[in-house]
């Protein structure tokens, strides 16, 4: 038997098993983390159910009276902004920048609770659902990250002293679990943790973090079945001539996604212009104005730009191309205004809807309607990758929806190229917004007393 200090020796199997089983503290910590991972997954499932009912409620309202959103949407938008600014400012926006900022080493425990907590998770749940009930062009996937992270962070209160899992690990696991549960795609959650939340996962707790992410995804699968987010994309055999419209889709999604990301960053961070000053001084009035503009855009588009875009995207994937001529432009404007208003809401689903519309436009303009599902899938992967600059996550999310493996390499190439083009045009959006969160926290700290 090799001596214990021999770096080339294999472990003593029985001794390793006894040592592992005897460490009751670690087993207790693992049990707590996995229990909270299941709770995080269940929270996202409940949040999803609430958002679906909110979307259905707005659809009924809009069907009953097509003019009512001109009053209802700005009223809801203003009300959500008032609640957010007055009671839970940390719940504004998508929630991903808050989780990223909370992972920074300079953030204190008190400041971290302003960014991620169980209280914020509850507020985010109801406020995001309220935005969808108001017809705002927002998604639930980004908020799912902050909600699941807030649930997982609460586990630190029950971890035994000396446990190897850290609060950093809990936040990473929770944020990634939110994506896994929201999209029914555990692998996408793991890649999101690596691409966006952290560049590496601590080796001693990486297995537990991944297990927590997968468990949260399995909770969503058990609730909704093994169904994909937008159904299944059936792609016919691709021909060589498909290359040219595919290149147009990738270039278009990269350019549009990069400019859209740049626009969102400039709007949310503010550059001292008149509109930014008005937004800062009168956030409720500004939100009401954004809501009115969103309602007008929704009326002009025949209702296709209201909500997250889920129905429009599914409509396109099923082969129905009867969307408004300027659908992409109107959807971009509605999503930008909803995000700029400051209400809680995410970008994933609206970005997928914009990418789907872009792919459909190229299919119509080039006469490739037969292969339109393939072009739509490329647009979805490309635009989401361009906005988030997380190409592997975007590729996996869309890949989960494709029937077969014919487009795996095409989707990966589209996401990587579109993300590269967007990186030339804009900083990574979530990283830039997280930096703005950290700057605001630093500005609010009392000045250091000189010694």
Protein backbone atom coordinates (compact mmCIF):
# COMPACT_ATOMS: atom_id res chain seq x y z
CA UNK A 1 0.00 0.00 0.00
CA UNK A 2 1.29 3.42 -0.88
CA UNK A 3 2.15 5.76 1.98
CA UNK A 4 -0.29 8.60 2.63
CA UNK A 5 2.12 11.25 1.39
CA UNK A 6 2.83 9.55 -1.96
CA UNK A 7 1.40 11.84 -4.67
CA UNK A 8 1.23 8.96 -7.13
CA UNK A 9 -0.55 6.56 -4.80
CA UNK A 10 -4.21 5.63 -5.00
CA UNK A 11 -6.49 6.20 -2.00
CA UNK A 12 -7.27 3.50 0.51
CA UNK A 13 -10.87 2.77 -0.50
CA UNK A 14 -12.19 1.70 2.89
CA UNK A 15 -10.44 4.53 4.71
CA UNK A 16 -11.77 7.07 2.20
CA UNK A 17 -15.33 5.75 2.59
CA UNK A 18 -15.13 5.79 6.40
CA UNK A 19 -13.68 9.31 6.40
CA UNK A 20 -16.40 10.60 4.08
CA UNK A 21 -19.28 8.95 5.92
CA UNK A 22 -17.97 10.05 9.30
CA UNK A 23 -18.01 13.72 8.30
CA UNK A 24 -21.53 14.40 9.53
CA UNK A 25 -21.08 18.15 9.25
CA UNK A 26 -20.52 17.95 5.50
CA UNK A 27 -23.45 15.58 5.02
CA UNK A 28 -25.70 17.95 6.97
CA UNK A 29 -24.53 20.85 4.78
CA UNK A 30 -25.21 18.84 1.62
CA UNK A 31 -28.67 17.96 2.81
CA UNK A 32 -29.45 21.63 3.52
CA UNK A 33 -28.16 22.78 0.13
CA UNK A 34 -30.09 20.13 -1.80
CA UNK A 35 -33.27 20.85 0.16
CA UNK A 36 -32.99 24.53 -0.68
CA UNK A 37 -32.19 23.69 -4.31
CA UNK A 38 -35.47 21.79 -4.49
CA UNK A 39 -37.20 24.76 -2.85
CA UNK A 40 -35.58 27.13 -5.36
CA UNK A 41 -36.81 24.98 -8.23
CA UNK A 42 -40.29 24.86 -6.74
CA UNK A 43 -40.22 28.65 -6.31
CA UNK A 44 -39.44 29.13 -10.00
CA UNK A 45 -42.20 26.66 -10.89
CA UNK A 46 -44.69 28.67 -8.84
CA UNK A 47 -43.37 31.90 -10.37
CA UNK A 48 -43.79 30.44 -13.86
CA UNK A 49 -47.37 29.42 -13.09
CA UNK A 50 -48.13 32.92 -11.77
CA UNK A 51 -46.62 34.58 -14.85
CA UNK A 52 -48.57 32.36 -17.23
CA UNK A 53 -51.81 33.30 -15.51
CA UNK A 54 -50.80 36.97 -15.61
CA UNK A 55 -50.20 36.75 -19.37
CA UNK A 56 -53.54 35.01 -19.84
CA UNK A 57 -55.24 37.71 -17.75
CA UNK A 58 -53.87 40.48 -19.95
CA UNK A 59 -54.87 38.58 -23.10
CA UNK A 60 -58.45 38.37 -21.81
CA UNK A 61 -58.43 42.08 -20.98
CA UNK A 62 -57.04 42.99 -24.40
CA UNK A 63 -59.54 40.73 -26.17
CA UNK A 64 -62.42 42.28 -24.24
CA UNK A 65 -61.40 45.83 -25.21
CA UNK A 66 -58.48 46.58 -27.52
CA UNK A 67 -58.32 50.21 -26.30
CA UNK A 68 -58.16 49.43 -22.60
CA UNK A 69 -54.35 48.90 -22.52
CA UNK A 70 -53.92 52.59 -23.35
CA UNK A 71 -55.12 53.25 -19.79
CA UNK A 72 -54.29 49.96 -18.05
CA UNK A 73 -50.64 49.54 -19.14
CA UNK A 74 -49.34 52.98 -18.08
CA UNK A 75 -51.28 52.72 -14.80
CA UNK A 76 -49.75 49.32 -14.00
CA UNK A 77 -46.28 50.45 -15.08
CA UNK A 78 -46.46 53.53 -12.84
CA UNK A 79 -47.77 51.51 -9.89
CA UNK A 80 -45.00 48.92 -10.20
CA UNK A 81 -42.37 51.65 -10.43
CA UNK A 82 -43.73 53.34 -7.30
CA UNK A 83 -43.67 50.11 -5.28
CA UNK A 84 -40.20 49.23 -6.55
CA UNK A 85 -38.62 52.62 -5.87
CA UNK A 86 -40.27 53.06 -2.49
CA UNK A 87 -39.98 49.58 -0.98
CA UNK A 88 -37.70 47.24 -2.98
CA UNK A 89 -35.27 49.14 -5.24
CA UNK A 90 -33.09 46.03 -5.42
CA UNK A 91 -35.86 44.24 -7.34
CA UNK A 92 -35.71 46.57 -10.35
CA UNK A 93 -34.67 45.25 -13.73
CA UNK A 94 -33.84 41.69 -14.67
CA UNK A 95 -32.13 40.64 -11.43
CA UNK A 96 -29.06 39.09 -13.06
CA UNK A 97 -26.85 42.19 -12.50
CA UNK A 98 -27.86 42.17 -8.82
CA UNK A 99 -26.74 38.55 -8.41
CA UNK A 100 -23.48 39.27 -10.23
CA UNK A 101 -22.84 42.31 -8.02
CA UNK A 102 -23.66 40.32 -4.87
CA UNK A 103 -20.89 37.88 -5.82
CA UNK A 104 -18.27 40.64 -5.76
CA UNK A 105 -15.79 40.47 -2.89
CA UNK A 106 -16.16 44.18 -2.05
CA UNK A 107 -19.85 43.83 -1.12
CA UNK A 108 -20.64 43.58 2.59
CA UNK A 109 -23.29 41.31 4.07
CA UNK A 110 -25.65 44.26 4.59
CA UNK A 111 -25.18 45.46 1.00
CA UNK A 112 -25.63 41.93 -0.31
CA UNK A 113 -29.07 41.75 1.29
CA UNK A 114 -30.05 44.83 -0.72
CA UNK A 115 -29.28 42.89 -3.89
CA UNK A 116 -30.34 39.31 -3.12
CA UNK A 117 -32.59 38.09 -0.31
CA UNK A 118 -35.70 36.07 0.34
CA UNK A 119 -37.69 39.31 0.74
CA UNK A 120 -36.51 40.53 -2.67
CA UNK A 121 -37.34 37.13 -4.17
CA UNK A 122 -40.94 37.42 -2.99
CA UNK A 123 -41.21 41.00 -4.24
CA UNK A 124 -39.67 40.06 -7.59
CA UNK A 125 -42.17 37.25 -8.02
CA UNK A 126 -45.25 39.44 -7.63
CA UNK A 127 -43.90 42.56 -9.34
CA UNK A 128 -42.75 40.70 -12.46
CA UNK A 129 -46.09 38.91 -12.69
CA UNK A 130 -47.76 42.31 -12.29
CA UNK A 131 -45.75 43.65 -15.23
CA UNK A 132 -46.92 40.79 -17.43
CA UNK A 133 -50.48 41.40 -16.27
CA UNK A 134 -49.98 44.96 -17.49
CA UNK A 135 -48.84 43.81 -20.94
CA UNK A 136 -45.23 44.96 -20.55
CA UNK A 137 -42.65 43.44 -22.91
CA UNK A 138 -40.62 41.68 -20.21
CA UNK A 139 -39.56 38.12 -19.48
CA UNK A 140 -39.56 35.94 -16.38
CA UNK A 141 -36.22 34.17 -16.90
CA UNK A 142 -33.89 36.89 -15.59
CA UNK A 143 -36.08 37.43 -12.52
CA UNK A 144 -35.97 33.66 -11.96
CA UNK A 145 -32.21 34.02 -11.40
CA UNK A 146 -32.66 36.56 -8.60
CA UNK A 147 -35.59 34.64 -7.10
CA UNK A 148 -33.75 31.31 -6.96
CA UNK A 149 -30.57 33.00 -5.70
CA UNK A 150 -32.55 34.67 -2.90
CA UNK A 151 -34.01 31.32 -1.87
CA UNK A 152 -30.63 29.57 -1.97
CA UNK A 153 -28.91 32.35 -0.03
CA UNK A 154 -31.32 31.77 2.84
CA UNK A 155 -29.75 28.32 3.27
CA UNK A 156 -26.68 29.90 4.88
CA UNK A 157 -28.66 30.29 8.11
CA UNK A 158 -28.96 26.52 8.43
CA UNK A 159 -25.49 25.45 7.34
CA UNK A 160 -23.35 23.97 10.15
CA UNK A 161 -20.26 25.90 11.19
CA UNK A 162 -17.22 25.02 9.12
CA UNK A 163 -19.17 23.70 6.12
CA UNK A 164 -17.22 23.85 2.86
CA UNK A 165 -20.08 25.42 0.88
CA UNK A 166 -19.79 29.21 0.92
CA UNK A 167 -22.32 31.99 0.39
CA UNK A 168 -20.65 32.58 -2.98
CA UNK A 169 -21.39 28.97 -3.90
CA UNK A 170 -25.00 29.31 -2.76
CA UNK A 171 -25.52 32.40 -4.93
CA UNK A 172 -23.96 30.75 -7.97
CA UNK A 173 -26.04 27.62 -7.48
CA UNK A 174 -29.22 29.62 -6.94
CA UNK A 175 -28.76 31.92 -9.91
CA UNK A 176 -27.95 29.06 -12.26
CA UNK A 177 -30.80 26.99 -10.83
CA UNK A 178 -33.14 29.82 -11.82
CA UNK A 179 -32.12 29.48 -15.48
CA UNK A 180 -32.26 25.67 -15.30
CA UNK A 181 -35.78 25.70 -13.88
CA UNK A 182 -37.04 28.55 -16.08
CA UNK A 183 -36.01 26.87 -19.34
CA UNK A 184 -36.37 23.23 -18.26
CA UNK A 185 -32.67 22.94 -19.19
CA UNK A 186 -30.25 21.99 -16.37
CA UNK A 187 -27.25 22.06 -18.73
CA UNK A 188 -28.05 25.66 -19.66
CA UNK A 189 -28.05 26.48 -15.94
CA UNK A 190 -24.58 25.00 -15.47
CA UNK A 191 -23.19 26.92 -18.45
CA UNK A 192 -24.87 30.12 -17.27
CA UNK A 193 -23.07 29.74 -13.93
CA UNK A 194 -19.73 29.46 -15.72
CA UNK A 195 -20.31 32.14 -18.39
CA UNK A 196 -22.09 34.85 -16.42
CA UNK A 197 -21.97 34.33 -12.67
CA UNK A 198 -18.44 33.08 -12.17
CA UNK A 199 -15.48 32.14 -14.32
CA UNK A 200 -14.77 29.15 -12.12
CA UNK A 201 -16.50 27.10 -9.45
CA UNK A 202 -14.61 26.19 -6.31
CA UNK A 203 -13.29 22.65 -6.72
CA UNK A 204 -14.26 21.50 -3.24
CA UNK A 205 -17.92 22.42 -3.72
CA UNK A 206 -18.34 22.23 -7.50
CA UNK A 207 -20.07 18.84 -7.41
CA UNK A 208 -22.60 20.02 -4.85
CA UNK A 209 -23.26 23.24 -6.79
CA UNK A 210 -23.87 21.33 -10.02
CA UNK A 211 -26.09 18.83 -8.18
CA UNK A 212 -28.16 21.72 -6.80
CA UNK A 213 -28.56 23.22 -10.29
CA UNK A 214 -29.62 19.90 -11.79
CA UNK A 215 -32.03 19.19 -8.93
CA UNK A 216 -33.76 22.54 -9.44
CA UNK A 217 -34.09 21.77 -13.15
CA UNK A 218 -35.53 18.34 -12.39
CA UNK A 219 -38.14 19.95 -10.14
CA UNK A 220 -39.26 22.02 -13.13
CA UNK A 221 -39.29 18.94 -15.36
CA UNK A 222 -41.43 17.05 -12.84
CA UNK A 223 -43.90 19.96 -12.75
CA UNK A 224 -44.13 20.76 -16.46
CA UNK A 225 -43.05 17.48 -18.01
CA UNK A 226 -40.11 17.03 -20.33
CA UNK A 227 -41.39 19.74 -22.66
CA UNK A 228 -39.19 22.40 -24.18
CA UNK A 229 -39.74 26.11 -23.69
CA UNK A 230 -41.24 26.87 -27.12
CA UNK A 231 -42.04 23.34 -28.22
CA UNK A 232 -39.95 21.42 -30.74
CA UNK A 233 -38.37 22.97 -33.82
CA UNK A 234 -38.60 20.50 -36.71
CA UNK A 235 -35.78 21.25 -39.13
CA UNK A 236 -35.65 19.68 -42.62
CA UNK A 237 -32.38 18.60 -44.22
CA UNK A 238 -30.36 21.74 -44.88
CA UNK A 239 -29.08 22.48 -48.38
CA UNK A 240 -25.80 24.22 -49.29
CA UNK A 241 -27.67 27.30 -50.54
CA UNK A 242 -29.00 27.73 -46.98
CA UNK A 243 -25.62 29.25 -46.09
CA UNK A 244 -26.39 32.72 -47.47
CA UNK A 245 -29.66 33.45 -45.63
CA UNK A 246 -28.06 31.90 -42.53
CA UNK A 247 -25.15 34.34 -42.77
CA UNK A 248 -27.61 37.22 -43.11
CA UNK A 249 -29.42 36.10 -39.96
CA UNK A 250 -26.21 35.76 -37.96
CA UNK A 251 -24.84 39.12 -39.08
CA UNK A 252 -28.18 40.82 -38.50
CA UNK A 253 -28.66 39.34 -35.05
CA UNK A 254 -25.11 40.24 -34.02
CA UNK A 255 -25.39 43.83 -35.21
CA UNK A 256 -28.91 44.43 -33.89
CA UNK A 257 -28.16 42.66 -30.61
CA UNK A 258 -24.99 44.69 -30.10
CA UNK A 259 -26.72 48.02 -30.74
CA UNK A 260 -29.67 46.96 -28.57
CA UNK A 261 -27.33 46.05 -25.73
CA UNK A 262 -25.54 49.38 -26.09
CA UNK A 263 -28.87 51.24 -26.06
CA UNK A 264 -30.02 49.44 -22.91
CA UNK A 265 -26.76 50.19 -21.12
CA UNK A 266 -26.86 53.88 -22.02
CA UNK A 267 -30.51 54.15 -20.98
CA UNK A 268 -30.23 52.29 -17.67
CA UNK A 269 -26.96 53.80 -16.49
CA UNK A 270 -27.78 57.30 -17.71
CA UNK A 271 -25.45 59.90 -19.17
CA UNK A 272 -26.80 63.09 -17.62
CA UNK A 273 -29.09 63.91 -20.53
CA UNK A 274 -32.52 65.49 -20.03
CA UNK A 275 -34.45 62.21 -20.16
CA UNK A 276 -32.10 60.53 -17.70
CA UNK A 277 -32.45 63.44 -15.29
CA UNK A 278 -36.26 63.31 -15.59
CA UNK A 279 -36.19 59.55 -15.04
CA UNK A 280 -34.11 59.97 -11.88
CA UNK A 281 -36.20 62.86 -10.54
CA UNK A 282 -39.66 61.49 -11.39
CA UNK A 283 -39.42 57.68 -11.79
CA UNK A 284 -43.16 57.09 -11.48
CA UNK A 285 -44.11 59.66 -14.11
CA UNK A 286 -41.38 58.37 -16.38
CA UNK A 287 -42.66 54.79 -15.98
CA UNK A 288 -46.20 55.94 -16.80
CA UNK A 289 -44.92 57.59 -20.00
CA UNK A 290 -43.07 54.40 -20.94
CA UNK A 291 -46.21 52.38 -20.26
CA UNK A 292 -48.28 54.64 -22.52
CA UNK A 293 -45.71 54.31 -25.30
CA UNK A 294 -45.72 50.51 -24.89
CA UNK A 295 -49.52 50.50 -25.12
CA UNK A 296 -49.45 52.58 -28.31
CA UNK A 297 -46.85 50.25 -29.85
CA UNK A 298 -48.95 47.27 -28.83
CA UNK A 299 -52.03 48.79 -30.44
CA UNK A 300 -50.07 49.55 -33.64
CA UNK A 301 -48.75 45.99 -33.80
CA UNK A 302 -52.17 44.43 -33.31
CA UNK A 303 -51.18 43.24 -29.84
CA UNK A 304 -48.17 41.18 -30.97
CA UNK A 305 -45.65 43.21 -28.92
CA UNK A 306 -47.48 42.89 -25.62
CA UNK A 307 -46.03 40.53 -23.05
CA UNK A 308 -42.90 38.40 -23.15
CA UNK A 309 -43.27 37.38 -26.80
CA UNK A 310 -43.79 33.71 -26.02
CA UNK A 311 -46.95 33.38 -28.13
CA UNK A 312 -45.51 35.29 -31.09
CA UNK A 313 -42.35 33.17 -31.08
CA UNK A 314 -44.31 29.93 -30.94
CA UNK A 315 -46.59 31.26 -33.70
CA UNK A 316 -43.58 31.82 -35.96
CA UNK A 317 -42.03 28.45 -35.17
CA UNK A 318 -45.29 26.74 -36.16
CA UNK A 319 -45.00 28.28 -39.62
CA UNK A 320 -47.38 31.24 -39.26
CA UNK A 321 -45.62 34.27 -40.72
CA UNK A 322 -48.53 36.71 -40.43
CA UNK A 323 -46.77 39.09 -38.06
CA UNK A 324 -46.69 42.87 -38.56
CA UNK A 325 -44.22 44.13 -41.15
CA UNK A 326 -42.23 46.06 -38.53
CA UNK A 327 -42.58 43.41 -35.82
CA UNK A 328 -38.86 43.32 -34.98
CA UNK A 329 -38.58 47.11 -34.76
CA UNK A 330 -41.73 47.41 -32.66
CA UNK A 331 -40.70 44.54 -30.35
CA UNK A 332 -37.26 46.13 -29.84
CA UNK A 333 -38.89 49.45 -28.96
CA UNK A 334 -41.41 47.86 -26.57
CA UNK A 335 -38.71 45.82 -24.79
CA UNK A 336 -36.41 48.83 -24.51
CA UNK A 337 -39.15 50.98 -23.01
CA UNK A 338 -40.24 48.27 -20.56
CA UNK A 339 -36.64 47.82 -19.38
CA UNK A 340 -36.00 51.57 -19.25
CA UNK A 341 -39.10 52.13 -17.12
CA UNK A 342 -37.30 50.48 -14.20
CA UNK A 343 -39.94 47.86 -13.39
CA UNK A 344 -38.83 44.30 -12.57
CA UNK A 345 -38.58 42.13 -15.67
CA UNK A 346 -36.10 40.20 -17.78
CA UNK A 347 -34.73 40.14 -21.32
CA UNK A 348 -34.39 36.48 -22.25
CA UNK A 349 -37.86 35.78 -23.66
CA UNK A 350 -38.17 39.18 -25.43
CA UNK A 351 -34.71 38.64 -26.95
CA UNK A 352 -35.72 35.21 -28.22
CA UNK A 353 -38.86 36.78 -29.71
CA UNK A 354 -36.84 39.48 -31.47
CA UNK A 355 -34.40 36.89 -32.81
CA UNK A 356 -37.27 34.75 -34.06
CA UNK A 357 -38.78 37.75 -35.85
CA UNK A 358 -35.42 38.57 -37.43
CA UNK A 359 -34.99 35.01 -38.71
CA UNK A 360 -38.53 35.06 -40.10
CA UNK A 361 -37.91 38.39 -41.87
CA UNK A 362 -34.81 36.98 -43.59
CA UNK A 363 -36.76 33.85 -44.59
CA UNK A 364 -39.50 35.99 -46.17
CA UNK A 365 -37.11 38.42 -47.91
CA UNK A 366 -34.92 35.66 -49.35
CA UNK A 367 -37.75 33.29 -50.22
CA UNK A 368 -36.62 30.55 -47.81
CA UNK A 369 -39.97 29.99 -46.11
CA UNK A 370 -39.51 26.20 -46.34
CA UNK A 371 -36.48 26.45 -44.07
CA UNK A 372 -37.89 29.27 -41.96
CA UNK A 373 -37.81 27.22 -38.70
CA UNK A 374 -34.06 26.79 -39.13
CA UNK A 375 -33.53 30.51 -39.78
CA UNK A 376 -35.76 31.38 -36.82
CA UNK A 377 -33.71 29.09 -34.58
CA UNK A 378 -30.48 30.74 -35.76
CA UNK A 379 -31.98 34.17 -35.10
CA UNK A 380 -33.05 33.18 -31.60
CA UNK A 381 -29.62 31.81 -30.69
CA UNK A 382 -27.77 34.66 -32.36
CA UNK A 383 -29.75 37.55 -30.92
CA UNK A 384 -29.85 36.11 -27.39
CA UNK A 385 -26.09 35.50 -27.54
CA UNK A 386 -25.52 39.04 -28.82
CA UNK A 387 -27.55 40.67 -26.06
CA UNK A 388 -26.24 38.57 -23.18
CA UNK A 389 -22.79 37.83 -24.66
CA UNK A 390 -23.17 34.35 -23.17
CA UNK A 391 -23.02 32.33 -26.42
CA UNK A 392 -22.83 28.82 -24.96
CA UNK A 393 -25.85 29.41 -22.72
CA UNK A 394 -27.81 30.86 -25.65
CA UNK A 395 -26.83 27.96 -27.90
CA UNK A 396 -27.87 25.34 -25.33
CA UNK A 397 -31.23 27.02 -24.65
CA UNK A 398 -32.17 26.96 -28.34
CA UNK A 399 -30.55 23.57 -28.98
CA UNK A 400 -32.92 22.04 -26.43
CA UNK A 401 -35.79 22.94 -28.77
CA UNK A 402 -34.38 21.46 -31.98
CA UNK A 403 -35.62 18.05 -33.08
CA UNK A 404 -32.45 16.11 -33.87
CA UNK A 405 -28.83 17.19 -34.16
CA UNK A 406 -28.83 18.60 -37.68
CA UNK A 407 -28.43 22.18 -36.46
CA UNK A 408 -26.18 21.76 -33.44
CA UNK A 409 -23.04 23.06 -35.15
CA UNK A 410 -24.99 25.79 -36.98
CA UNK A 411 -26.52 27.06 -33.75
CA UNK A 412 -23.18 27.03 -31.99
CA UNK A 413 -21.53 28.95 -34.81
CA UNK A 414 -24.40 31.46 -34.93
CA UNK A 415 -24.19 32.13 -31.19
CA UNK A 416 -20.41 32.50 -31.20
CA UNK A 417 -20.25 34.78 -34.25
CA UNK A 418 -23.18 36.96 -33.15
CA UNK A 419 -21.68 37.30 -29.68
CA UNK A 420 -18.32 38.30 -31.18
CA UNK A 421 -19.94 40.97 -33.36
CA UNK A 422 -21.89 42.32 -30.38
CA UNK A 423 -18.68 42.44 -28.31
CA UNK A 424 -17.22 44.82 -30.87
CA UNK A 425 -20.19 47.14 -30.42
CA UNK A 426 -20.98 47.01 -26.70
CA UNK A 427 -19.70 45.88 -23.35
CA UNK A 428 -21.28 42.71 -21.92
CA UNK A 429 -24.63 44.06 -20.73
CA UNK A 430 -25.05 42.22 -17.44
CA UNK A 431 -21.44 42.80 -16.44
CA UNK A 432 -21.77 46.53 -17.18
CA UNK A 433 -25.01 46.80 -15.21
CA UNK A 434 -23.45 44.87 -12.32
CA UNK A 435 -20.57 47.37 -12.33
CA UNK A 436 -23.13 50.18 -12.15
CA UNK A 437 -24.75 48.44 -9.14
CA UNK A 438 -21.36 48.24 -7.43
CA UNK A 439 -20.67 51.91 -8.17
CA UNK A 440 -23.98 52.92 -6.58
CA UNK A 441 -23.20 50.83 -3.50
CA UNK A 442 -19.76 52.43 -3.22
CA UNK A 443 -21.23 55.92 -3.55
CA UNK A 444 -23.71 55.20 -0.73
CA UNK A 445 -21.03 54.10 1.72
CA UNK A 446 -19.99 56.61 4.38
CA UNK A 447 -16.57 58.13 3.77
CA UNK A 448 -13.71 56.41 5.51
CA UNK A 449 -12.51 58.15 8.66
CA UNK A 450 -8.80 59.01 8.34
CA UNK A 451 -6.61 57.55 11.02
